[in-house]
Amino acid sequence: MNSTDIAHVCHEVNRAYCESLGDDSQPTWEQAPDWQRMSAIDGVEFHIANPDAGPEASHENWLEMKLKEGWKYGPEKDPAKKLHPCCVPFAELPVEQKAKDFIFRQIVHSLKEA
């Protein structure tokens, strides 16, 4: 599988996980905006290039990208205003949000040789 294929799987698993938490705001991969798909692809490529990076590094990579794009912390996700509740250090994330980084990393490592 290539990075885009793996990112597609990561996105859809994340979408299902979010739905399990009562968050149905995540669009399908096909309906996701380019910035969201590119973020997933970047995360996949980060883990492929850094196989020993853990979930915390995954979040910090994501956070660095978001901050460079002008995103800031906000209590609710608002793409138009570039606000996101996860724009905090990994240690400050709720356990439900930390779980996403563990899941994302494992999907990449499970599929990168497929």
PDB file of N, CA and C in Angstrom:
ATOM      1  N   MET A   1       0.841  -1.187   0.000  1.00  0.00           N
ATOM      2  CA  MET A   1       0.000   0.000   0.000  1.00  0.00           C
ATOM      3  C   MET A   1       0.887   1.252   0.000  1.00  0.00           C
ATOM      4  N   ASN A   2       0.432   2.276  -0.693  1.00  0.00           N
ATOM      5  CA  ASN A   2       1.185   3.527  -0.682  1.00  0.00           C
ATOM      6  C   ASN A   2       0.672   4.434   0.449  1.00  0.00           C
ATOM      7  N   SER A   3       1.335   5.569   0.635  1.00  0.00           N
ATOM      8  CA  SER A   3       0.992   6.479   1.736  1.00  0.00           C
ATOM      9  C   SER A   3      -0.455   6.956   1.674  1.00  0.00           C
ATOM     10  N   THR A   4      -0.947   7.237   0.486  1.00  0.00           N
ATOM     11  CA  THR A   4      -2.329   7.710   0.351  1.00  0.00           C
ATOM     12  C   THR A   4      -3.321   6.616   0.728  1.00  0.00           C
ATOM     13  N   ASP A   5      -3.059   5.386   0.309  1.00  0.00           N
ATOM     14  CA  ASP A   5      -3.951   4.271   0.674  1.00  0.00           C
ATOM     15  C   ASP A   5      -3.989   4.073   2.186  1.00  0.00           C
ATOM     16  N   ILE A   6      -2.820   4.121   2.811  1.00  0.00           N
ATOM     17  CA  ILE A   6      -2.750   3.952   4.269  1.00  0.00           C
ATOM     18  C   ILE A   6      -3.449   5.119   4.966  1.00  0.00           C
ATOM     19  N   ALA A   7      -3.238   6.334   4.463  1.00  0.00           N
ATOM     20  CA  ALA A   7      -3.900   7.505   5.044  1.00  0.00           C
ATOM     21  C   ALA A   7      -5.417   7.374   4.948  1.00  0.00           C
ATOM     22  N   HIS A   8      -5.897   6.824   3.852  1.00  0.00           N
ATOM     23  CA  HIS A   8      -7.339   6.603   3.670  1.00  0.00           C
ATOM     24  C   HIS A   8      -7.860   5.687   4.770  1.00  0.00           C
ATOM     25  N   VAL A   9      -7.155   4.585   5.022  1.00  0.00           N
ATOM     26  CA  VAL A   9      -7.566   3.653   6.076  1.00  0.00           C
ATOM     27  C   VAL A   9      -7.516   4.350   7.438  1.00  0.00           C
ATOM     28  N   CYS A  10      -6.418   5.056   7.715  1.00  0.00           N
ATOM     29  CA  CYS A  10      -6.290   5.776   8.991  1.00  0.00           C
ATOM     30  C   CYS A  10      -7.445   6.752   9.187  1.00  0.00           C
ATOM     31  N   HIS A  11      -7.777   7.486   8.140  1.00  0.00           N
ATOM     32  CA  HIS A  11      -8.854   8.467   8.215  1.00  0.00           C
ATOM     33  C   HIS A  11     -10.186   7.794   8.549  1.00  0.00           C
ATOM     34  N   GLU A  12     -10.481   6.711   7.852  1.00  0.00           N
ATOM     35  CA  GLU A  12     -11.774   6.049   8.059  1.00  0.00           C
ATOM     36  C   GLU A  12     -11.858   5.381   9.431  1.00  0.00           C
ATOM     37  N   VAL A  13     -10.744   4.825   9.927  1.00  0.00           N
ATOM     38  CA  VAL A  13     -10.739   4.258  11.273  1.00  0.00           C
ATOM     39  C   VAL A  13     -10.921   5.377  12.295  1.00  0.00           C
ATOM     40  N   ASN A  14     -10.241   6.499  12.086  1.00  0.00           N
ATOM     41  CA  ASN A  14     -10.398   7.641  12.982  1.00  0.00           C
ATOM     42  C   ASN A  14     -11.844   8.145  12.962  1.00  0.00           C
ATOM     43  N   ARG A  15     -12.432   8.166  11.791  1.00  0.00           N
ATOM     44  CA  ARG A  15     -13.830   8.623  11.669  1.00  0.00           C
ATOM     45  C   ARG A  15     -14.747   7.704  12.480  1.00  0.00           C
ATOM     46  N   ALA A  16     -14.527   6.383  12.375  1.00  0.00           N
ATOM     47  CA  ALA A  16     -15.338   5.423  13.131  1.00  0.00           C
ATOM     48  C   ALA A  16     -15.104   5.574  14.636  1.00  0.00           C
ATOM     49  N   TYR A  17     -13.836   5.783  15.013  1.00  0.00           N
ATOM     50  CA  TYR A  17     -13.527   5.987  16.427  1.00  0.00           C
ATOM     51  C   TYR A  17     -14.224   7.247  16.945  1.00  0.00           C
ATOM     52  N   CYS A  18     -14.162   8.338  16.185  1.00  0.00           N
ATOM     53  CA  CYS A  18     -14.837   9.571  16.576  1.00  0.00           C
ATOM     54  C   CYS A  18     -16.332   9.337  16.739  1.00  0.00           C
ATOM     55  N   GLU A  19     -16.928   8.603  15.813  1.00  0.00           N
ATOM     56  CA  GLU A  19     -18.359   8.305  15.920  1.00  0.00           C
ATOM     57  C   GLU A  19     -18.659   7.525  17.199  1.00  0.00           C
ATOM     58  N   SER A  20     -17.740   6.613  17.600  1.00  0.00           N
ATOM     59  CA  SER A  20     -17.953   5.847  18.828  1.00  0.00           C
ATOM     60  C   SER A  20     -17.949   6.754  20.057  1.00  0.00           C
ATOM     61  N   LEU A  21     -17.308   7.913  19.943  1.00  0.00           N
ATOM     62  CA  LEU A  21     -17.268   8.890  21.030  1.00  0.00           C
ATOM     63  C   LEU A  21     -18.403   9.906  20.945  1.00  0.00           C
ATOM     64  N   GLY A  22     -19.271   9.757  19.933  1.00  0.00           N
ATOM     65  CA  GLY A  22     -20.388  10.676  19.759  1.00  0.00           C
ATOM     66  C   GLY A  22     -20.090  11.847  18.844  1.00  0.00           C
ATOM     67  N   ASP A  23     -18.924  11.825  18.197  1.00  0.00           N
ATOM     68  CA  ASP A  23     -18.532  12.895  17.276  1.00  0.00           C
ATOM     69  C   ASP A  23     -18.771  12.425  15.849  1.00  0.00           C
ATOM     70  N   ASP A  24     -19.822  12.919  15.233  1.00  0.00           N
ATOM     71  CA  ASP A  24     -20.131  12.509  13.859  1.00  0.00           C
ATOM     72  C   ASP A  24     -19.782  13.611  12.858  1.00  0.00           C
ATOM     73  N   SER A  25     -18.843  14.465  13.232  1.00  0.00           N
ATOM     74  CA  SER A  25     -18.479  15.598  12.375  1.00  0.00           C
ATOM     75  C   SER A  25     -17.443  15.248  11.314  1.00  0.00           C
ATOM     76  N   GLN A  26     -16.864  14.057  11.378  1.00  0.00           N
ATOM     77  CA  GLN A  26     -15.809  13.702  10.433  1.00  0.00           C
ATOM     78  C   GLN A  26     -16.409  13.244   9.095  1.00  0.00           C
ATOM     79  N   PRO A  27     -16.004  13.878   8.010  1.00  0.00           N
ATOM     80  CA  PRO A  27     -16.505  13.438   6.697  1.00  0.00           C
ATOM     81  C   PRO A  27     -15.784  12.166   6.240  1.00  0.00           C
ATOM     82  N   THR A  28     -16.336  11.517   5.249  1.00  0.00           N
ATOM     83  CA  THR A  28     -15.650  10.371   4.656  1.00  0.00           C
ATOM     84  C   THR A  28     -14.376  10.867   3.972  1.00  0.00           C
ATOM     85  N   TRP A  29     -13.479   9.961   3.658  1.00  0.00           N
ATOM     86  CA  TRP A  29     -12.236  10.313   2.961  1.00  0.00           C
ATOM     87  C   TRP A  29     -12.556  11.061   1.671  1.00  0.00           C
ATOM     88  N   GLU A  30     -13.525  10.573   0.925  1.00  0.00           N
ATOM     89  CA  GLU A  30     -13.879  11.186  -0.356  1.00  0.00           C
ATOM     90  C   GLU A  30     -14.441  12.596  -0.186  1.00  0.00           C
ATOM     91  N   GLN A  31     -15.101  12.852   0.919  1.00  0.00           N
ATOM     92  CA  GLN A  31     -15.702  14.164   1.168  1.00  0.00           C
ATOM     93  C   GLN A  31     -14.805  15.087   1.995  1.00  0.00           C
ATOM     94  N   ALA A  32     -13.708  14.554   2.511  1.00  0.00           N
ATOM     95  CA  ALA A  32     -12.817  15.350   3.365  1.00  0.00           C
ATOM     96  C   ALA A  32     -12.125  16.434   2.542  1.00  0.00           C
ATOM     97  N   PRO A  33     -11.941  17.613   3.129  1.00  0.00           N
ATOM     98  CA  PRO A  33     -11.209  18.668   2.420  1.00  0.00           C
ATOM     99  C   PRO A  33      -9.749  18.271   2.219  1.00  0.00           C
ATOM    100  N   ASP A  34      -9.118  18.902   1.244  1.00  0.00           N
ATOM    101  CA  ASP A  34      -7.723  18.579   0.934  1.00  0.00           C
ATOM    102  C   ASP A  34      -6.818  18.686   2.151  1.00  0.00           C
ATOM    103  N   TRP A  35      -6.990  19.733   2.987  1.00  0.00           N
ATOM    104  CA  TRP A  35      -6.116  19.906   4.144  1.00  0.00           C
ATOM    105  C   TRP A  35      -6.200  18.721   5.090  1.00  0.00           C
ATOM    106  N   GLN A  36      -7.378  18.109   5.195  1.00  0.00           N
ATOM    107  CA  GLN A  36      -7.553  16.981   6.103  1.00  0.00           C
ATOM    108  C   GLN A  36      -6.892  15.725   5.530  1.00  0.00           C
ATOM    109  N   ARG A  37      -7.066  15.516   4.238  1.00  0.00           N
ATOM    110  CA  ARG A  37      -6.415  14.362   3.606  1.00  0.00           C
ATOM    111  C   ARG A  37      -4.894  14.513   3.638  1.00  0.00           C
ATOM    112  N   MET A  38      -4.399  15.730   3.369  1.00  0.00           N
ATOM    113  CA  MET A  38      -2.949  15.959   3.387  1.00  0.00           C
ATOM    114  C   MET A  38      -2.374  15.771   4.791  1.00  0.00           C
ATOM    115  N   SER A  39      -3.124  16.117   5.796  1.00  0.00           N
ATOM    116  CA  SER A  39      -2.680  15.920   7.170  1.00  0.00           C
ATOM    117  C   SER A  39      -2.500  14.429   7.464  1.00  0.00           C
ATOM    118  N   ALA A  40      -3.442  13.611   7.008  1.00  0.00           N
ATOM    119  CA  ALA A  40      -3.340  12.164   7.214  1.00  0.00           C
ATOM    120  C   ALA A  40      -2.150  11.593   6.448  1.00  0.00           C
ATOM    121  N   ILE A  41      -1.958  12.028   5.217  1.00  0.00           N
ATOM    122  CA  ILE A  41      -0.830  11.550   4.409  1.00  0.00           C
ATOM    123  C   ILE A  41       0.484  11.940   5.073  1.00  0.00           C
ATOM    124  N   ASP A  42       0.561  13.174   5.574  1.00  0.00           N
ATOM    125  CA  ASP A  42       1.766  13.621   6.271  1.00  0.00           C
ATOM    126  C   ASP A  42       2.045  12.736   7.483  1.00  0.00           C
ATOM    127  N   GLY A  43       1.020  12.399   8.237  1.00  0.00           N
ATOM    128  CA  GLY A  43       1.187  11.533   9.404  1.00  0.00           C
ATOM    129  C   GLY A  43       1.700  10.153   9.030  1.00  0.00           C
ATOM    130  N   VAL A  44       1.183   9.610   7.943  1.00  0.00           N
ATOM    131  CA  VAL A  44       1.656   8.303   7.458  1.00  0.00           C
ATOM    132  C   VAL A  44       3.123   8.397   7.077  1.00  0.00           C
ATOM    133  N   GLU A  45       3.461   9.404   6.294  1.00  0.00           N
ATOM    134  CA  GLU A  45       4.848   9.552   5.844  1.00  0.00           C
ATOM    135  C   GLU A  45       5.789   9.793   7.024  1.00  0.00           C
ATOM    136  N   PHE A  46       5.321  10.485   8.041  1.00  0.00           N
ATOM    137  CA  PHE A  46       6.127  10.695   9.248  1.00  0.00           C
ATOM    138  C   PHE A  46       6.469   9.356   9.888  1.00  0.00           C
ATOM    139  N   HIS A  47       5.481   8.491  10.043  1.00  0.00           N
ATOM    140  CA  HIS A  47       5.738   7.198  10.701  1.00  0.00           C
ATOM    141  C   HIS A  47       6.563   6.252   9.834  1.00  0.00           C
ATOM    142  N   ILE A  48       6.398   6.320   8.550  1.00  0.00           N
ATOM    143  CA  ILE A  48       7.228   5.491   7.675  1.00  0.00           C
ATOM    144  C   ILE A  48       8.688   5.946   7.760  1.00  0.00           C
ATOM    145  N   ALA A  49       8.913   7.253   7.774  1.00  0.00           N
ATOM    146  CA  ALA A  49      10.280   7.796   7.849  1.00  0.00           C
ATOM    147  C   ALA A  49      10.878   7.678   9.254  1.00  0.00           C
ATOM    148  N   ASN A  50      10.030   7.564  10.259  1.00  0.00           N
ATOM    149  CA  ASN A  50      10.475   7.510  11.659  1.00  0.00           C
ATOM    150  C   ASN A  50       9.824   6.321  12.358  1.00  0.00           C
ATOM    151  N   PRO A  51      10.239   5.098  12.006  1.00  0.00           N
ATOM    152  CA  PRO A  51       9.549   3.905  12.516  1.00  0.00           C
ATOM    153  C   PRO A  51       9.569   3.746  14.040  1.00  0.00           C
ATOM    154  N   ASP A  52      10.511   4.374  14.714  1.00  0.00           N
ATOM    155  CA  ASP A  52      10.566   4.260  16.168  1.00  0.00           C
ATOM    156  C   ASP A  52       9.793   5.369  16.882  1.00  0.00           C
ATOM    157  N   ALA A  53       9.221   6.289  16.134  1.00  0.00           N
ATOM    158  CA  ALA A  53       8.453   7.379  16.735  1.00  0.00           C
ATOM    159  C   ALA A  53       7.186   6.826  17.378  1.00  0.00           C
ATOM    160  N   GLY A  54       6.928   7.276  18.572  1.00  0.00           N
ATOM    161  CA  GLY A  54       5.738   6.812  19.288  1.00  0.00           C
ATOM    162  C   GLY A  54       4.537   7.705  19.063  1.00  0.00           C
ATOM    163  N   PRO A  55       3.456   7.412  19.767  1.00  0.00           N
ATOM    164  CA  PRO A  55       2.229   8.209  19.636  1.00  0.00           C
ATOM    165  C   PRO A  55       2.423   9.680  19.986  1.00  0.00           C
ATOM    166  N   GLU A  56       3.255   9.966  20.986  1.00  0.00           N
ATOM    167  CA  GLU A  56       3.490  11.364  21.348  1.00  0.00           C
ATOM    168  C   GLU A  56       4.145  12.114  20.192  1.00  0.00           C
ATOM    169  N   ALA A  57       5.124  11.479  19.552  1.00  0.00           N
ATOM    170  CA  ALA A  57       5.788  12.104  18.400  1.00  0.00           C
ATOM    171  C   ALA A  57       4.803  12.301  17.251  1.00  0.00           C
ATOM    172  N   SER A  58       3.876  11.368  17.104  1.00  0.00           N
ATOM    173  CA  SER A  58       2.850  11.483  16.065  1.00  0.00           C
ATOM    174  C   SER A  58       2.029  12.748  16.295  1.00  0.00           C
ATOM    175  N   HIS A  59       1.604  12.947  17.533  1.00  0.00           N
ATOM    176  CA  HIS A  59       0.808  14.143  17.838  1.00  0.00           C
ATOM    177  C   HIS A  59       1.632  15.406  17.654  1.00  0.00           C
ATOM    178  N   GLU A  60       2.872  15.393  18.119  1.00  0.00           N
ATOM    179  CA  GLU A  60       3.707  16.585  18.005  1.00  0.00           C
ATOM    180  C   GLU A  60       3.952  16.939  16.533  1.00  0.00           C
ATOM    181  N   ASN A  61       4.104  15.927  15.673  1.00  0.00           N
ATOM    182  CA  ASN A  61       4.241  16.166  14.230  1.00  0.00           C
ATOM    183  C   ASN A  61       2.968  16.817  13.686  1.00  0.00           C
ATOM    184  N   TRP A  62       1.817  16.275  14.072  1.00  0.00           N
ATOM    185  CA  TRP A  62       0.528  16.831  13.650  1.00  0.00           C
ATOM    186  C   TRP A  62       0.383  18.270  14.148  1.00  0.00           C
ATOM    187  N   LEU A  63       0.713  18.489  15.424  1.00  0.00           N
ATOM    188  CA  LEU A  63       0.571  19.816  16.020  1.00  0.00           C
ATOM    189  C   LEU A  63       1.483  20.829  15.329  1.00  0.00           C
ATOM    190  N   GLU A  64       2.705  20.427  15.037  1.00  0.00           N
ATOM    191  CA  GLU A  64       3.632  21.331  14.347  1.00  0.00           C
ATOM    192  C   GLU A  64       3.073  21.750  12.992  1.00  0.00           C
ATOM    193  N   MET A  65       2.511  20.794  12.262  1.00  0.00           N
ATOM    194  CA  MET A  65       1.924  21.098  10.949  1.00  0.00           C
ATOM    195  C   MET A  65       0.744  22.064  11.107  1.00  0.00           C
ATOM    196  N   LYS A  66      -0.109  21.798  12.077  1.00  0.00           N
ATOM    197  CA  LYS A  66      -1.281  22.653  12.294  1.00  0.00           C
ATOM    198  C   LYS A  66      -0.852  24.083  12.644  1.00  0.00           C
ATOM    199  N   LEU A  67       0.119  24.220  13.547  1.00  0.00           N
ATOM    200  CA  LEU A  67       0.559  25.556  13.946  1.00  0.00           C
ATOM    201  C   LEU A  67       1.169  26.313  12.770  1.00  0.00           C
ATOM    202  N   LYS A  68       1.915  25.631  11.916  1.00  0.00           N
ATOM    203  CA  LYS A  68       2.495  26.264  10.731  1.00  0.00           C
ATOM    204  C   LYS A  68       1.404  26.745   9.776  1.00  0.00           C
ATOM    205  N   GLU A  69       0.278  26.035   9.768  1.00  0.00           N
ATOM    206  CA  GLU A  69      -0.834  26.396   8.899  1.00  0.00           C
ATOM    207  C   GLU A  69      -1.735  27.458   9.529  1.00  0.00           C
ATOM    208  N   GLY A  70      -1.394  27.927  10.732  1.00  0.00           N
ATOM    209  CA  GLY A  70      -2.154  28.987  11.367  1.00  0.00           C
ATOM    210  C   GLY A  70      -3.241  28.547  12.326  1.00  0.00           C
ATOM    211  N   TRP A  71      -3.322  27.250  12.614  1.00  0.00           N
ATOM    212  CA  TRP A  71      -4.326  26.765  13.559  1.00  0.00           C
ATOM    213  C   TRP A  71      -3.934  27.147  14.978  1.00  0.00           C
ATOM    214  N   LYS A  72      -4.939  27.280  15.844  1.00  0.00           N
ATOM    215  CA  LYS A  72      -4.731  27.580  17.254  1.00  0.00           C
ATOM    216  C   LYS A  72      -5.691  26.740  18.072  1.00  0.00           C
ATOM    217  N   TYR A  73      -5.450  26.734  19.376  1.00  0.00           N
ATOM    218  CA  TYR A  73      -6.362  26.044  20.274  1.00  0.00           C
ATOM    219  C   TYR A  73      -7.718  26.742  20.275  1.00  0.00           C
ATOM    220  N   GLY A  74      -8.751  25.932  20.284  1.00  0.00           N
ATOM    221  CA  GLY A  74     -10.120  26.397  20.465  1.00  0.00           C
ATOM    222  C   GLY A  74     -10.897  25.280  21.122  1.00  0.00           C
ATOM    223  N   PRO A  75     -11.873  25.576  21.952  1.00  0.00           N
ATOM    224  CA  PRO A  75     -12.605  24.529  22.669  1.00  0.00           C
ATOM    225  C   PRO A  75     -13.376  23.585  21.748  1.00  0.00           C
ATOM    226  N   GLU A  76     -13.693  24.059  20.546  1.00  0.00           N
ATOM    227  CA  GLU A  76     -14.370  23.213  19.554  1.00  0.00           C
ATOM    228  C   GLU A  76     -13.684  23.382  18.215  1.00  0.00           C
ATOM    229  N   LYS A  77     -13.660  22.321  17.449  1.00  0.00           N
ATOM    230  CA  LYS A  77     -13.028  22.369  16.129  1.00  0.00           C
ATOM    231  C   LYS A  77     -13.836  23.282  15.207  1.00  0.00           C
ATOM    232  N   ASP A  78     -13.132  24.217  14.576  1.00  0.00           N
ATOM    233  CA  ASP A  78     -13.745  25.148  13.644  1.00  0.00           C
ATOM    234  C   ASP A  78     -12.756  25.386  12.502  1.00  0.00           C
ATOM    235  N   PRO A  79     -12.864  24.596  11.426  1.00  0.00           N
ATOM    236  CA  PRO A  79     -11.910  24.735  10.319  1.00  0.00           C
ATOM    237  C   PRO A  79     -11.880  26.135   9.706  1.00  0.00           C
ATOM    238  N   ALA A  80     -13.002  26.816   9.660  1.00  0.00           N
ATOM    239  CA  ALA A  80     -13.034  28.156   9.067  1.00  0.00           C
ATOM    240  C   ALA A  80     -12.179  29.139   9.864  1.00  0.00           C
ATOM    241  N   LYS A  81     -12.181  28.978  11.183  1.00  0.00           N
ATOM    242  CA  LYS A  81     -11.384  29.855  12.052  1.00  0.00           C
ATOM    243  C   LYS A  81     -10.033  29.234  12.408  1.00  0.00           C
ATOM    244  N   LYS A  82      -9.799  28.019  11.927  1.00  0.00           N
ATOM    245  CA  LYS A  82      -8.574  27.264  12.230  1.00  0.00           C
ATOM    246  C   LYS A  82      -8.379  27.105  13.741  1.00  0.00           C
ATOM    247  N   LEU A  83      -9.438  26.640  14.389  1.00  0.00           N
ATOM    248  CA  LEU A  83      -9.404  26.350  15.818  1.00  0.00           C
ATOM    249  C   LEU A  83      -9.578  24.853  16.024  1.00  0.00           C
ATOM    250  N   HIS A  84      -8.831  24.293  16.982  1.00  0.00           N
ATOM    251  CA  HIS A  84      -8.904  22.852  17.233  1.00  0.00           C
ATOM    252  C   HIS A  84      -8.625  22.577  18.704  1.00  0.00           C
ATOM    253  N   PRO A  85      -9.451  21.766  19.358  1.00  0.00           N
ATOM    254  CA  PRO A  85      -9.238  21.468  20.776  1.00  0.00           C
ATOM    255  C   PRO A  85      -7.997  20.606  21.045  1.00  0.00           C
ATOM    256  N   CYS A  86      -7.441  20.000  20.019  1.00  0.00           N
ATOM    257  CA  CYS A  86      -6.249  19.163  20.199  1.00  0.00           C
ATOM    258  C   CYS A  86      -4.946  19.922  19.938  1.00  0.00           C
ATOM    259  N   CYS A  87      -5.013  21.220  19.756  1.00  0.00           N
ATOM    260  CA  CYS A  87      -3.807  22.029  19.564  1.00  0.00           C
ATOM    261  C   CYS A  87      -3.177  22.326  20.920  1.00  0.00           C
ATOM    262  N   VAL A  88      -2.800  21.273  21.594  1.00  0.00           N
ATOM    263  CA  VAL A  88      -2.129  21.326  22.891  1.00  0.00           C
ATOM    264  C   VAL A  88      -1.065  20.231  22.892  1.00  0.00           C
ATOM    265  N   PRO A  89      -0.094  20.298  23.805  1.00  0.00           N
ATOM    266  CA  PRO A  89       0.881  19.214  23.897  1.00  0.00           C
ATOM    267  C   PRO A  89       0.200  17.873  24.190  1.00  0.00           C
ATOM    268  N   PHE A  90       0.825  16.803  23.753  1.00  0.00           N
ATOM    269  CA  PHE A  90       0.278  15.453  23.913  1.00  0.00           C
ATOM    270  C   PHE A  90      -0.140  15.179  25.358  1.00  0.00           C
ATOM    271  N   ALA A  91       0.705  15.574  26.322  1.00  0.00           N
ATOM    272  CA  ALA A  91       0.426  15.306  27.736  1.00  0.00           C
ATOM    273  C   ALA A  91      -0.874  15.943  28.210  1.00  0.00           C
ATOM    274  N   GLU A  92      -1.328  16.985  27.529  1.00  0.00           N
ATOM    275  CA  GLU A  92      -2.547  17.685  27.923  1.00  0.00           C
ATOM    276  C   GLU A  92      -3.803  17.154  27.242  1.00  0.00           C
ATOM    277  N   LEU A  93      -3.642  16.222  26.320  1.00  0.00           N
ATOM    278  CA  LEU A  93      -4.801  15.654  25.630  1.00  0.00           C
ATOM    279  C   LEU A  93      -5.581  14.720  26.546  1.00  0.00           C
ATOM    280  N   PRO A  94      -6.892  14.682  26.408  1.00  0.00           N
ATOM    281  CA  PRO A  94      -7.677  13.663  27.110  1.00  0.00           C
ATOM    282  C   PRO A  94      -7.292  12.277  26.567  1.00  0.00           C
ATOM    283  N   VAL A  95      -7.444  11.261  27.386  1.00  0.00           N
ATOM    284  CA  VAL A  95      -7.039   9.911  26.986  1.00  0.00           C
ATOM    285  C   VAL A  95      -7.729   9.474  25.685  1.00  0.00           C
ATOM    286  N   GLU A  96      -8.971   9.915  25.462  1.00  0.00           N
ATOM    287  CA  GLU A  96      -9.688   9.541  24.238  1.00  0.00           C
ATOM    288  C   GLU A  96      -8.997  10.092  23.000  1.00  0.00           C
ATOM    289  N   GLN A  97      -8.380  11.276  23.144  1.00  0.00           N
ATOM    290  CA  GLN A  97      -7.669  11.868  22.007  1.00  0.00           C
ATOM    291  C   GLN A  97      -6.283  11.250  21.852  1.00  0.00           C
ATOM    292  N   LYS A  98      -5.626  10.912  22.945  1.00  0.00           N
ATOM    293  CA  LYS A  98      -4.332  10.231  22.876  1.00  0.00           C
ATOM    294  C   LYS A  98      -4.479   8.898  22.143  1.00  0.00           C
ATOM    295  N   ALA A  99      -5.598   8.231  22.367  1.00  0.00           N
ATOM    296  CA  ALA A  99      -5.833   6.924  21.743  1.00  0.00           C
ATOM    297  C   ALA A  99      -5.743   7.012  20.217  1.00  0.00           C
ATOM    298  N   LYS A 100      -6.168   8.133  19.641  1.00  0.00           N
ATOM    299  CA  LYS A 100      -6.114   8.293  18.184  1.00  0.00           C
ATOM    300  C   LYS A 100      -4.688   8.158  17.661  1.00  0.00           C
ATOM    301  N   ASP A 101      -3.722   8.695  18.418  1.00  0.00           N
ATOM    302  CA  ASP A 101      -2.328   8.624  17.984  1.00  0.00           C
ATOM    303  C   ASP A 101      -1.783   7.200  18.076  1.00  0.00           C
ATOM    304  N   PHE A 102      -2.197   6.453  19.088  1.00  0.00           N
ATOM    305  CA  PHE A 102      -1.800   5.055  19.199  1.00  0.00           C
ATOM    306  C   PHE A 102      -2.373   4.247  18.038  1.00  0.00           C
ATOM    307  N   ILE A 103      -3.645   4.474  17.751  1.00  0.00           N
ATOM    308  CA  ILE A 103      -4.331   3.751  16.671  1.00  0.00           C
ATOM    309  C   ILE A 103      -3.723   4.102  15.317  1.00  0.00           C
ATOM    310  N   PHE A 104      -3.538   5.383  15.059  1.00  0.00           N
ATOM    311  CA  PHE A 104      -2.973   5.842  13.784  1.00  0.00           C
ATOM    312  C   PHE A 104      -1.620   5.187  13.536  1.00  0.00           C
ATOM    313  N   ARG A 105      -0.737   5.259  14.545  1.00  0.00           N
ATOM    314  CA  ARG A 105       0.609   4.702  14.421  1.00  0.00           C
ATOM    315  C   ARG A 105       0.545   3.201  14.105  1.00  0.00           C
ATOM    316  N   GLN A 106      -0.309   2.483  14.802  1.00  0.00           N
ATOM    317  CA  GLN A 106      -0.378   1.034  14.588  1.00  0.00           C
ATOM    318  C   GLN A 106      -0.897   0.686  13.200  1.00  0.00           C
ATOM    319  N   ILE A 107      -1.852   1.434  12.709  1.00  0.00           N
ATOM    320  CA  ILE A 107      -2.353   1.183  11.350  1.00  0.00           C
ATOM    321  C   ILE A 107      -1.227   1.365  10.345  1.00  0.00           C
ATOM    322  N   VAL A 108      -0.462   2.442  10.475  1.00  0.00           N
ATOM    323  CA  VAL A 108       0.640   2.685   9.538  1.00  0.00           C
ATOM    324  C   VAL A 108       1.621   1.521   9.564  1.00  0.00           C
ATOM    325  N   HIS A 109       2.030   1.109  10.762  1.00  0.00           N
ATOM    326  CA  HIS A 109       3.024   0.044  10.849  1.00  0.00           C
ATOM    327  C   HIS A 109       2.465  -1.308  10.412  1.00  0.00           C
ATOM    328  N   SER A 110       1.177  -1.514  10.544  1.00  0.00           N
ATOM    329  CA  SER A 110       0.569  -2.761  10.085  1.00  0.00           C
ATOM    330  C   SER A 110       0.416  -2.827   8.579  1.00  0.00           C
ATOM    331  N   LEU A 111       0.217  -1.667   7.943  1.00  0.00           N
ATOM    332  CA  LEU A 111      -0.073  -1.647   6.504  1.00  0.00           C
ATOM    333  C   LEU A 111       1.101  -1.245   5.618  1.00  0.00           C
ATOM    334  N   LYS A 112       2.154  -0.711   6.186  1.00  0.00           N
ATOM    335  CA  LYS A 112       3.233  -0.183   5.344  1.00  0.00           C
ATOM    336  C   LYS A 112       3.929  -1.236   4.504  1.00  0.00           C
ATOM    337  N   GLU A 113       3.864  -2.487   4.919  1.00  0.00           N
ATOM    338  CA  GLU A 113       4.487  -3.567   4.146  1.00  0.00           C
ATOM    339  C   GLU A 113       3.459  -4.335   3.328  1.00  0.00           C
ATOM    340  N   ALA A 114       2.199  -3.956   3.429  1.00  0.00           N
ATOM    341  CA  ALA A 114       1.122  -4.689   2.726  1.00  0.00           C
ATOM    342  C   ALA A 114       1.163  -4.411   1.226  1.00  0.00           C
TER     343      ALA A 114
END
